PDB file of N, CA and C in Angstrom:
ATOM      1  N   UNK A   1      46.492   6.887 -65.989  1.00  0.00           N
ATOM      2  CA  UNK A   1      45.363   7.745 -66.006  1.00  0.00           C
ATOM      3  C   UNK A   1      44.087   6.993 -65.658  1.00  0.00           C
ATOM      4  N   UNK A   2      43.930   5.795 -66.217  1.00  0.00           N
ATOM      5  CA  UNK A   2      42.757   4.986 -65.906  1.00  0.00           C
ATOM      6  C   UNK A   2      42.715   4.672 -64.417  1.00  0.00           C
ATOM      7  N   UNK A   3      43.855   4.385 -63.864  1.00  0.00           N
ATOM      8  CA  UNK A   3      43.907   4.047 -62.437  1.00  0.00           C
ATOM      9  C   UNK A   3      43.463   5.235 -61.587  1.00  0.00           C
ATOM     10  N   UNK A   4      43.833   6.412 -61.967  1.00  0.00           N
ATOM     11  CA  UNK A   4      43.439   7.608 -61.223  1.00  0.00           C
ATOM     12  C   UNK A   4      41.933   7.794 -61.278  1.00  0.00           C
ATOM     13  N   UNK A   5      41.364   7.571 -62.445  1.00  0.00           N
ATOM     14  CA  UNK A   5      39.910   7.704 -62.590  1.00  0.00           C
ATOM     15  C   UNK A   5      39.206   6.624 -61.781  1.00  0.00           C
ATOM     16  N   UNK A   6      39.711   5.415 -61.815  1.00  0.00           N
ATOM     17  CA  UNK A   6      39.121   4.313 -61.046  1.00  0.00           C
ATOM     18  C   UNK A   6      39.205   4.618 -59.559  1.00  0.00           C
ATOM     19  N   UNK A   7      40.361   5.105 -59.100  1.00  0.00           N
ATOM     20  CA  UNK A   7      40.530   5.458 -57.692  1.00  0.00           C
ATOM     21  C   UNK A   7      39.549   6.569 -57.295  1.00  0.00           C
ATOM     22  N   UNK A   8      39.378   7.557 -58.159  1.00  0.00           N
ATOM     23  CA  UNK A   8      38.486   8.663 -57.871  1.00  0.00           C
ATOM     24  C   UNK A   8      37.033   8.170 -57.779  1.00  0.00           C
ATOM     25  N   UNK A   9      36.630   7.285 -58.678  1.00  0.00           N
ATOM     26  CA  UNK A   9      35.276   6.742 -58.667  1.00  0.00           C
ATOM     27  C   UNK A   9      35.060   5.908 -57.414  1.00  0.00           C
ATOM     28  N   UNK A  10      36.040   5.063 -57.098  1.00  0.00           N
ATOM     29  CA  UNK A  10      35.916   4.226 -55.899  1.00  0.00           C
ATOM     30  C   UNK A  10      35.867   5.103 -54.658  1.00  0.00           C
ATOM     31  N   UNK A  11      36.724   6.091 -54.630  1.00  0.00           N
ATOM     32  CA  UNK A  11      36.762   6.982 -53.487  1.00  0.00           C
ATOM     33  C   UNK A  11      35.447   7.755 -53.372  1.00  0.00           C
ATOM     34  N   UNK A  12      34.933   8.204 -54.481  1.00  0.00           N
ATOM     35  CA  UNK A  12      33.679   8.939 -54.489  1.00  0.00           C
ATOM     36  C   UNK A  12      32.518   8.036 -54.060  1.00  0.00           C
ATOM     37  N   UNK A  13      32.490   6.814 -54.534  1.00  0.00           N
ATOM     38  CA  UNK A  13      31.454   5.857 -54.122  1.00  0.00           C
ATOM     39  C   UNK A  13      31.544   5.600 -52.624  1.00  0.00           C
ATOM     40  N   UNK A  14      32.755   5.491 -52.131  1.00  0.00           N
ATOM     41  CA  UNK A  14      32.947   5.249 -50.703  1.00  0.00           C
ATOM     42  C   UNK A  14      32.407   6.430 -49.896  1.00  0.00           C
ATOM     43  N   UNK A  15      32.725   7.640 -50.315  1.00  0.00           N
ATOM     44  CA  UNK A  15      32.236   8.828 -49.598  1.00  0.00           C
ATOM     45  C   UNK A  15      30.710   8.916 -49.648  1.00  0.00           C
ATOM     46  N   UNK A  16      30.147   8.669 -50.792  1.00  0.00           N
ATOM     47  CA  UNK A  16      28.685   8.707 -50.922  1.00  0.00           C
ATOM     48  C   UNK A  16      28.055   7.635 -50.043  1.00  0.00           C
ATOM     49  N   UNK A  17      28.635   6.453 -50.045  1.00  0.00           N
ATOM     50  CA  UNK A  17      28.117   5.366 -49.207  1.00  0.00           C
ATOM     51  C   UNK A  17      28.231   5.730 -47.737  1.00  0.00           C
ATOM     52  N   UNK A  18      29.370   6.288 -47.347  1.00  0.00           N
ATOM     53  CA  UNK A  18      29.567   6.665 -45.947  1.00  0.00           C
ATOM     54  C   UNK A  18      28.558   7.732 -45.528  1.00  0.00           C
ATOM     55  N   UNK A  19      28.343   8.715 -46.368  1.00  0.00           N
ATOM     56  CA  UNK A  19      27.373   9.770 -46.061  1.00  0.00           C
ATOM     57  C   UNK A  19      25.964   9.185 -46.001  1.00  0.00           C
ATOM     58  N   UNK A  20      25.634   8.298 -46.919  1.00  0.00           N
ATOM     59  CA  UNK A  20      24.305   7.677 -46.928  1.00  0.00           C
ATOM     60  C   UNK A  20      24.082   6.861 -45.662  1.00  0.00           C
ATOM     61  N   UNK A  21      25.086   6.102 -45.258  1.00  0.00           N
ATOM     62  CA  UNK A  21      24.970   5.299 -44.033  1.00  0.00           C
ATOM     63  C   UNK A  21      24.809   6.213 -42.824  1.00  0.00           C
ATOM     64  N   UNK A  22      25.592   7.283 -42.778  1.00  0.00           N
ATOM     65  CA  UNK A  22      25.487   8.226 -41.663  1.00  0.00           C
ATOM     66  C   UNK A  22      24.097   8.855 -41.613  1.00  0.00           C
ATOM     67  N   UNK A  23      23.554   9.205 -42.766  1.00  0.00           N
ATOM     68  CA  UNK A  23      22.213   9.793 -42.809  1.00  0.00           C
ATOM     69  C   UNK A  23      21.141   8.805 -42.361  1.00  0.00           C
ATOM     70  N   UNK A  24      21.276   7.556 -42.758  1.00  0.00           N
ATOM     71  CA  UNK A  24      20.312   6.528 -42.342  1.00  0.00           C
ATOM     72  C   UNK A  24      20.373   6.341 -40.831  1.00  0.00           C
ATOM     73  N   UNK A  25      21.580   6.300 -40.283  1.00  0.00           N
ATOM     74  CA  UNK A  25      21.737   6.141 -38.829  1.00  0.00           C
ATOM     75  C   UNK A  25      21.124   7.341 -38.106  1.00  0.00           C
ATOM     76  N   UNK A  26      21.389   8.545 -38.595  1.00  0.00           N
ATOM     77  CA  UNK A  26      20.812   9.744 -37.979  1.00  0.00           C
ATOM     78  C   UNK A  26      19.290   9.731 -38.075  1.00  0.00           C
ATOM     79  N   UNK A  27      18.756   9.256 -39.196  1.00  0.00           N
ATOM     80  CA  UNK A  27      17.308   9.180 -39.370  1.00  0.00           C
ATOM     81  C   UNK A  27      16.686   8.280 -38.308  1.00  0.00           C
ATOM     82  N   UNK A  28      17.271   7.096 -38.102  1.00  0.00           N
ATOM     83  CA  UNK A  28      16.712   6.166 -37.121  1.00  0.00           C
ATOM     84  C   UNK A  28      16.886   6.684 -35.700  1.00  0.00           C
ATOM     85  N   UNK A  29      17.992   7.338 -35.415  1.00  0.00           N
ATOM     86  CA  UNK A  29      18.186   7.920 -34.081  1.00  0.00           C
ATOM     87  C   UNK A  29      17.156   9.017 -33.818  1.00  0.00           C
ATOM     88  N   UNK A  30      16.957   9.885 -34.793  1.00  0.00           N
ATOM     89  CA  UNK A  30      15.969  10.959 -34.639  1.00  0.00           C
ATOM     90  C   UNK A  30      14.555  10.392 -34.529  1.00  0.00           C
ATOM     91  N   UNK A  31      14.267   9.364 -35.294  1.00  0.00           N
ATOM     92  CA  UNK A  31      12.944   8.733 -35.217  1.00  0.00           C
ATOM     93  C   UNK A  31      12.715   8.149 -33.829  1.00  0.00           C
ATOM     94  N   UNK A  32      13.721   7.480 -33.293  1.00  0.00           N
ATOM     95  CA  UNK A  32      13.610   6.932 -31.944  1.00  0.00           C
ATOM     96  C   UNK A  32      13.415   8.023 -30.910  1.00  0.00           C
ATOM     97  N   UNK A  33      14.124   9.120 -31.066  1.00  0.00           N
ATOM     98  CA  UNK A  33      13.989  10.243 -30.148  1.00  0.00           C
ATOM     99  C   UNK A  33      12.581  10.829 -30.215  1.00  0.00           C
ATOM    100  N   UNK A  34      12.047  10.969 -31.406  1.00  0.00           N
ATOM    101  CA  UNK A  34      10.704  11.528 -31.572  1.00  0.00           C
ATOM    102  C   UNK A  34       9.653  10.606 -30.954  1.00  0.00           C
ATOM    103  N   UNK A  35       9.794   9.317 -31.161  1.00  0.00           N
ATOM    104  CA  UNK A  35       8.851   8.357 -30.570  1.00  0.00           C
ATOM    105  C   UNK A  35       8.929   8.423 -29.045  1.00  0.00           C
ATOM    106  N   UNK A  36      10.135   8.513 -28.515  1.00  0.00           N
ATOM    107  CA  UNK A  36      10.317   8.616 -27.070  1.00  0.00           C
ATOM    108  C   UNK A  36       9.663   9.883 -26.529  1.00  0.00           C
ATOM    109  N   UNK A  37       9.845  10.989 -27.216  1.00  0.00           N
ATOM    110  CA  UNK A  37       9.242  12.249 -26.788  1.00  0.00           C
ATOM    111  C   UNK A  37       7.715  12.184 -26.858  1.00  0.00           C
ATOM    112  N   UNK A  38       7.186  11.546 -27.874  1.00  0.00           N
ATOM    113  CA  UNK A  38       5.733  11.407 -28.000  1.00  0.00           C
ATOM    114  C   UNK A  38       5.172  10.578 -26.844  1.00  0.00           C
ATOM    115  N   UNK A  39       5.885   9.529 -26.467  1.00  0.00           N
ATOM    116  CA  UNK A  39       5.445   8.706 -25.340  1.00  0.00           C
ATOM    117  C   UNK A  39       5.480   9.517 -24.046  1.00  0.00           C
ATOM    118  N   UNK A  40       6.511  10.319 -23.857  1.00  0.00           N
ATOM    119  CA  UNK A  40       6.601  11.165 -22.665  1.00  0.00           C
ATOM    120  C   UNK A  40       5.468  12.188 -22.631  1.00  0.00           C
ATOM    121  N   UNK A  41       5.161  12.782 -23.774  1.00  0.00           N
ATOM    122  CA  UNK A  41       4.080  13.765 -23.839  1.00  0.00           C
ATOM    123  C   UNK A  41       2.749  13.106 -23.495  1.00  0.00           C
ATOM    124  N   UNK A  42       2.513  11.915 -24.011  1.00  0.00           N
ATOM    125  CA  UNK A  42       1.273  11.194 -23.723  1.00  0.00           C
ATOM    126  C   UNK A  42       1.168  10.873 -22.232  1.00  0.00           C
ATOM    127  N   UNK A  43       2.265  10.407 -21.645  1.00  0.00           N
ATOM    128  CA  UNK A  43       2.277  10.083 -20.214  1.00  0.00           C
ATOM    129  C   UNK A  43       2.005  11.334 -19.382  1.00  0.00           C
ATOM    130  N   UNK A  44       2.627  12.443 -19.743  1.00  0.00           N
ATOM    131  CA  UNK A  44       2.440  13.677 -18.990  1.00  0.00           C
ATOM    132  C   UNK A  44       1.027  14.236 -19.150  1.00  0.00           C
ATOM    133  N   UNK A  45       0.416  14.060 -20.319  1.00  0.00           N
ATOM    134  CA  UNK A  45      -0.973  14.503 -20.502  1.00  0.00           C
ATOM    135  C   UNK A  45      -1.910  13.691 -19.619  1.00  0.00           C
ATOM    136  N   UNK A  46      -1.672  12.383 -19.531  1.00  0.00           N
ATOM    137  CA  UNK A  46      -2.494  11.541 -18.660  1.00  0.00           C
ATOM    138  C   UNK A  46      -2.318  11.946 -17.202  1.00  0.00           C
ATOM    139  N   UNK A  47      -1.084  12.238 -16.821  1.00  0.00           N
ATOM    140  CA  UNK A  47      -0.805  12.660 -15.451  1.00  0.00           C
ATOM    141  C   UNK A  47      -1.479  14.005 -15.165  1.00  0.00           C
ATOM    142  N   UNK A  48      -1.443  14.903 -16.125  1.00  0.00           N
ATOM    143  CA  UNK A  48      -2.089  16.199 -15.956  1.00  0.00           C
ATOM    144  C   UNK A  48      -3.598  16.025 -15.781  1.00  0.00           C
ATOM    145  N   UNK A  49      -4.198  15.141 -16.556  1.00  0.00           N
ATOM    146  CA  UNK A  49      -5.637  14.898 -16.438  1.00  0.00           C
ATOM    147  C   UNK A  49      -5.981  14.349 -15.053  1.00  0.00           C
ATOM    148  N   UNK A  50      -5.147  13.443 -14.554  1.00  0.00           N
ATOM    149  CA  UNK A  50      -5.389  12.879 -13.225  1.00  0.00           C
ATOM    150  C   UNK A  50      -5.262  13.960 -12.154  1.00  0.00           C
ATOM    151  N   UNK A  51      -4.249  14.811 -12.270  1.00  0.00           N
ATOM    152  CA  UNK A  51      -4.067  15.882 -11.293  1.00  0.00           C
ATOM    153  C   UNK A  51      -5.194  16.908 -11.373  1.00  0.00           C
ATOM    154  N   UNK A  52      -5.671  17.186 -12.570  1.00  0.00           N
ATOM    155  CA  UNK A  52      -6.779  18.123 -12.726  1.00  0.00           C
ATOM    156  C   UNK A  52      -8.037  17.569 -12.069  1.00  0.00           C
ATOM    157  N   UNK A  53      -8.281  16.289 -12.261  1.00  0.00           N
ATOM    158  CA  UNK A  53      -9.445  15.655 -11.625  1.00  0.00           C
ATOM    159  C   UNK A  53      -9.311  15.686 -10.104  1.00  0.00           C
ATOM    160  N   UNK A  54      -8.118  15.395  -9.613  1.00  0.00           N
ATOM    161  CA  UNK A  54      -7.870  15.419  -8.171  1.00  0.00           C
ATOM    162  C   UNK A  54      -8.072  16.838  -7.625  1.00  0.00           C
ATOM    163  N   UNK A  55      -7.601  17.841  -8.353  1.00  0.00           N
ATOM    164  CA  UNK A  55      -7.770  19.233  -7.934  1.00  0.00           C
ATOM    165  C   UNK A  55      -9.245  19.604  -7.885  1.00  0.00           C
ATOM    166  N   UNK A  56     -10.008  19.216  -8.899  1.00  0.00           N
ATOM    167  CA  UNK A  56     -11.440  19.527  -8.923  1.00  0.00           C
ATOM    168  C   UNK A  56     -12.169  18.865  -7.767  1.00  0.00           C
ATOM    169  N   UNK A  57     -11.810  17.615  -7.455  1.00  0.00           N
ATOM    170  CA  UNK A  57     -12.423  16.926  -6.317  1.00  0.00           C
ATOM    171  C   UNK A  57     -12.112  17.657  -5.016  1.00  0.00           C
ATOM    172  N   UNK A  58     -10.865  18.089  -4.863  1.00  0.00           N
ATOM    173  CA  UNK A  58     -10.462  18.778  -3.644  1.00  0.00           C
ATOM    174  C   UNK A  58     -11.163  20.134  -3.521  1.00  0.00           C
ATOM    175  N   UNK A  59     -11.290  20.848  -4.635  1.00  0.00           N
ATOM    176  CA  UNK A  59     -11.994  22.133  -4.602  1.00  0.00           C
ATOM    177  C   UNK A  59     -13.462  21.948  -4.230  1.00  0.00           C
ATOM    178  N   UNK A  60     -14.079  20.881  -4.745  1.00  0.00           N
ATOM    179  CA  UNK A  60     -15.476  20.596  -4.412  1.00  0.00           C
ATOM    180  C   UNK A  60     -15.608  20.285  -2.922  1.00  0.00           C
ATOM    181  N   UNK A  61     -14.686  19.481  -2.400  1.00  0.00           N
ATOM    182  CA  UNK A  61     -14.721  19.150  -0.974  1.00  0.00           C
ATOM    183  C   UNK A  61     -14.509  20.405  -0.129  1.00  0.00           C
ATOM    184  N   UNK A  62     -13.612  21.278  -0.556  1.00  0.00           N
ATOM    185  CA  UNK A  62     -13.376  22.523   0.177  1.00  0.00           C
ATOM    186  C   UNK A  62     -14.628  23.396   0.205  1.00  0.00           C
ATOM    187  N   UNK A  63     -15.332  23.473  -0.921  1.00  0.00           N
ATOM    188  CA  UNK A  63     -16.581  24.240  -0.970  1.00  0.00           C
ATOM    189  C   UNK A  63     -17.603  23.675   0.007  1.00  0.00           C
ATOM    190  N   UNK A  64     -17.721  22.349   0.043  1.00  0.00           N
ATOM    191  CA  UNK A  64     -18.678  21.713   0.954  1.00  0.00           C
ATOM    192  C   UNK A  64     -18.321  22.012   2.403  1.00  0.00           C
ATOM    193  N   UNK A  65     -17.028  21.941   2.728  1.00  0.00           N
ATOM    194  CA  UNK A  65     -16.606  22.221   4.099  1.00  0.00           C
ATOM    195  C   UNK A  65     -16.820  23.691   4.460  1.00  0.00           C
ATOM    196  N   UNK A  66     -16.587  24.591   3.525  1.00  0.00           N
ATOM    197  CA  UNK A  66     -16.827  26.012   3.790  1.00  0.00           C
ATOM    198  C   UNK A  66     -18.309  26.284   4.000  1.00  0.00           C
ATOM    199  N   UNK A  67     -19.170  25.601   3.239  1.00  0.00           N
ATOM    200  CA  UNK A  67     -20.613  25.756   3.431  1.00  0.00           C
ATOM    201  C   UNK A  67     -21.018  25.282   4.819  1.00  0.00           C
ATOM    202  N   UNK A  68     -20.426  24.183   5.258  1.00  0.00           N
ATOM    203  CA  UNK A  68     -20.746  23.660   6.590  1.00  0.00           C
ATOM    204  C   UNK A  68     -20.273  24.635   7.657  1.00  0.00           C
ATOM    205  N   UNK A  69     -19.064  25.152   7.498  1.00  0.00           N
ATOM    206  CA  UNK A  69     -18.540  26.075   8.500  1.00  0.00           C
ATOM    207  C   UNK A  69     -19.293  27.404   8.512  1.00  0.00           C
ATOM    208  N   UNK A  70     -19.835  27.818   7.380  1.00  0.00           N
ATOM    209  CA  UNK A  70     -20.592  29.068   7.313  1.00  0.00           C
ATOM    210  C   UNK A  70     -22.043  28.902   7.748  1.00  0.00           C
ATOM    211  N   UNK A  71     -22.516  27.673   7.864  1.00  0.00           N
ATOM    212  CA  UNK A  71     -23.924  27.441   8.204  1.00  0.00           C
ATOM    213  C   UNK A  71     -24.132  27.500   9.717  1.00  0.00           C
ATOM    214  N   UNK A  72     -25.407  27.417  10.116  1.00  0.00           N
ATOM    215  CA  UNK A  72     -25.765  27.501  11.533  1.00  0.00           C
ATOM    216  C   UNK A  72     -25.462  26.217  12.290  1.00  0.00           C
ATOM    217  N   UNK A  73     -25.397  25.076  11.609  1.00  0.00           N
ATOM    218  CA  UNK A  73     -25.165  23.803  12.296  1.00  0.00           C
ATOM    219  C   UNK A  73     -23.674  23.451  12.355  1.00  0.00           C
ATOM    220  N   UNK A  74     -22.833  24.457  12.387  1.00  0.00           N
ATOM    221  CA  UNK A  74     -21.388  24.236  12.442  1.00  0.00           C
ATOM    222  C   UNK A  74     -20.998  23.474  13.711  1.00  0.00           C
ATOM    223  N   UNK A  75     -21.606  23.849  14.838  1.00  0.00           N
ATOM    224  CA  UNK A  75     -21.266  23.192  16.100  1.00  0.00           C
ATOM    225  C   UNK A  75     -21.646  21.714  16.070  1.00  0.00           C
ATOM    226  N   UNK A  76     -22.775  21.392  15.461  1.00  0.00           N
ATOM    227  CA  UNK A  76     -23.196  19.993  15.360  1.00  0.00           C
ATOM    228  C   UNK A  76     -22.218  19.208  14.487  1.00  0.00           C
ATOM    229  N   UNK A  77     -21.756  19.818  13.426  1.00  0.00           N
ATOM    230  CA  UNK A  77     -20.786  19.145  12.542  1.00  0.00           C
ATOM    231  C   UNK A  77     -19.468  18.902  13.279  1.00  0.00           C
ATOM    232  N   UNK A  78     -19.005  19.903  14.011  1.00  0.00           N
ATOM    233  CA  UNK A  78     -17.747  19.751  14.757  1.00  0.00           C
ATOM    234  C   UNK A  78     -17.894  18.662  15.814  1.00  0.00           C
ATOM    235  N   UNK A  79     -19.042  18.632  16.489  1.00  0.00           N
ATOM    236  CA  UNK A  79     -19.272  17.593  17.498  1.00  0.00           C
ATOM    237  C   UNK A  79     -19.302  16.205  16.854  1.00  0.00           C
ATOM    238  N   UNK A  80     -19.944  16.088  15.701  1.00  0.00           N
ATOM    239  CA  UNK A  80     -19.998  14.799  14.997  1.00  0.00           C
ATOM    240  C   UNK A  80     -18.590  14.323  14.635  1.00  0.00           C
ATOM    241  N   UNK A  81     -17.766  15.211  14.101  1.00  0.00           N
ATOM    242  CA  UNK A  81     -16.397  14.832  13.726  1.00  0.00           C
ATOM    243  C   UNK A  81     -15.575  14.471  14.959  1.00  0.00           C
ATOM    244  N   UNK A  82     -15.789  15.168  16.061  1.00  0.00           N
ATOM    245  CA  UNK A  82     -15.064  14.854  17.293  1.00  0.00           C
ATOM    246  C   UNK A  82     -15.462  13.474  17.809  1.00  0.00           C
ATOM    247  N   UNK A  83     -16.750  13.156  17.735  1.00  0.00           N
ATOM    248  CA  UNK A  83     -17.199  11.833  18.194  1.00  0.00           C
ATOM    249  C   UNK A  83     -16.650  10.721  17.297  1.00  0.00           C
ATOM    250  N   UNK A  84     -16.543  10.993  15.992  1.00  0.00           N
ATOM    251  CA  UNK A  84     -15.956  10.002  15.083  1.00  0.00           C
ATOM    252  C   UNK A  84     -14.502   9.712  15.447  1.00  0.00           C
ATOM    253  N   UNK A  85     -13.837  10.697  16.036  1.00  0.00           N
ATOM    254  CA  UNK A  85     -12.437  10.511  16.428  1.00  0.00           C
ATOM    255  C   UNK A  85     -12.296  10.001  17.857  1.00  0.00           C
ATOM    256  N   UNK A  86     -13.435   9.781  18.539  1.00  0.00           N
ATOM    257  CA  UNK A  86     -13.395   9.182  19.865  1.00  0.00           C
ATOM    258  C   UNK A  86     -13.388  10.182  21.005  1.00  0.00           C
ATOM    259  N   UNK A  87     -13.598  11.454  20.748  1.00  0.00           N
ATOM    260  CA  UNK A  87     -13.629  12.461  21.805  1.00  0.00           C
ATOM    261  C   UNK A  87     -14.973  12.426  22.508  1.00  0.00           C
ATOM    262  N   UNK A  88     -14.972  12.799  23.801  1.00  0.00           N
ATOM    263  CA  UNK A  88     -16.204  12.875  24.583  1.00  0.00           C
ATOM    264  C   UNK A  88     -16.248  14.231  25.282  1.00  0.00           C
ATOM    265  N   UNK A  89     -17.449  14.622  25.690  1.00  0.00           N
ATOM    266  CA  UNK A  89     -17.606  15.875  26.427  1.00  0.00           C
ATOM    267  C   UNK A  89     -17.164  15.661  27.866  1.00  0.00           C
ATOM    268  N   UNK A  90     -16.787  16.732  28.528  1.00  0.00           N
ATOM    269  CA  UNK A  90     -16.367  16.606  29.927  1.00  0.00           C
ATOM    270  C   UNK A  90     -17.570  16.175  30.763  1.00  0.00           C
ATOM    271  N   UNK A  91     -17.328  15.220  31.635  1.00  0.00           N
ATOM    272  CA  UNK A  91     -18.380  14.696  32.491  1.00  0.00           C
ATOM    273  C   UNK A  91     -19.244  13.643  31.814  1.00  0.00           C
ATOM    274  N   UNK A  92     -19.013  13.364  30.590  1.00  0.00           N
ATOM    275  CA  UNK A  92     -19.804  12.388  29.845  1.00  0.00           C
ATOM    276  C   UNK A  92     -19.222  10.990  30.067  1.00  0.00           C
ATOM    277  N   UNK A  93     -20.086  10.022  30.282  1.00  0.00           N
ATOM    278  CA  UNK A  93     -19.654   8.642  30.480  1.00  0.00           C
ATOM    279  C   UNK A  93     -19.940   7.874  29.194  1.00  0.00           C
ATOM    280  N   UNK A  94     -18.928   7.150  28.725  1.00  0.00           N
ATOM    281  CA  UNK A  94     -19.061   6.412  27.476  1.00  0.00           C
ATOM    282  C   UNK A  94     -19.182   4.932  27.798  1.00  0.00           C
ATOM    283  N   UNK A  95     -20.168   4.277  27.215  1.00  0.00           N
ATOM    284  CA  UNK A  95     -20.363   2.849  27.381  1.00  0.00           C
ATOM    285  C   UNK A  95     -20.038   2.154  26.064  1.00  0.00           C
ATOM    286  N   UNK A  96     -19.304   1.072  26.154  1.00  0.00           N
ATOM    287  CA  UNK A  96     -18.954   0.292  24.964  1.00  0.00           C
ATOM    288  C   UNK A  96     -19.697  -1.026  24.996  1.00  0.00           C
ATOM    289  N   UNK A  97     -20.144  -1.486  23.877  1.00  0.00           N
ATOM    290  CA  UNK A  97     -20.854  -2.746  23.753  1.00  0.00           C
ATOM    291  C   UNK A  97     -19.819  -3.862  23.674  1.00  0.00           C
ATOM    292  N   UNK A  98     -19.631  -4.578  24.765  1.00  0.00           N
ATOM    293  CA  UNK A  98     -18.640  -5.648  24.819  1.00  0.00           C
ATOM    294  C   UNK A  98     -19.113  -6.883  24.067  1.00  0.00           C
ATOM    295  N   UNK A  99     -20.410  -7.037  23.888  1.00  0.00           N
ATOM    296  CA  UNK A  99     -20.942  -8.204  23.197  1.00  0.00           C
ATOM    297  C   UNK A  99     -20.684  -8.106  21.703  1.00  0.00           C
ATOM    298  N   UNK A 100     -20.476  -6.919  21.214  1.00  0.00           N
ATOM    299  CA  UNK A 100     -20.200  -6.751  19.782  1.00  0.00           C
ATOM    300  C   UNK A 100     -21.396  -7.072  18.925  1.00  0.00           C
ATOM    301  N   UNK A 101     -22.568  -6.596  19.333  1.00  0.00           N
ATOM    302  CA  UNK A 101     -23.783  -6.890  18.573  1.00  0.00           C
ATOM    303  C   UNK A 101     -23.691  -6.285  17.184  1.00  0.00           C
ATOM    304  N   UNK A 102     -24.205  -7.023  16.231  1.00  0.00           N
ATOM    305  CA  UNK A 102     -24.216  -6.530  14.853  1.00  0.00           C
ATOM    306  C   UNK A 102     -25.598  -5.992  14.544  1.00  0.00           C
ATOM    307  N   UNK A 103     -25.634  -4.851  13.888  1.00  0.00           N
ATOM    308  CA  UNK A 103     -26.921  -4.218  13.577  1.00  0.00           C
ATOM    309  C   UNK A 103     -27.465  -4.702  12.279  1.00  0.00           C
TER     310      UNK A 103
END
């Protein structure tokens, strides 16, 4: 009878220990998962802020370009951009400074 009680106590201690160990392992796994998720959320918030700033800059640039296109000096702006890209008017002669003078 004593042996049965001893076996039951040992067996019960073993089960309690096994459950406790399993719970501790699950706790650390869940904690690691939560920390990982928090890091991902922080990274995504930073990325969202960068994209929002980029979007606002692009919207501002679009407004400026629309104002230029709606204004009376649209042709002058188009000509300026064409000259920046190296285009010339028909019949126009372009001279290049071969000496490379610095202003």
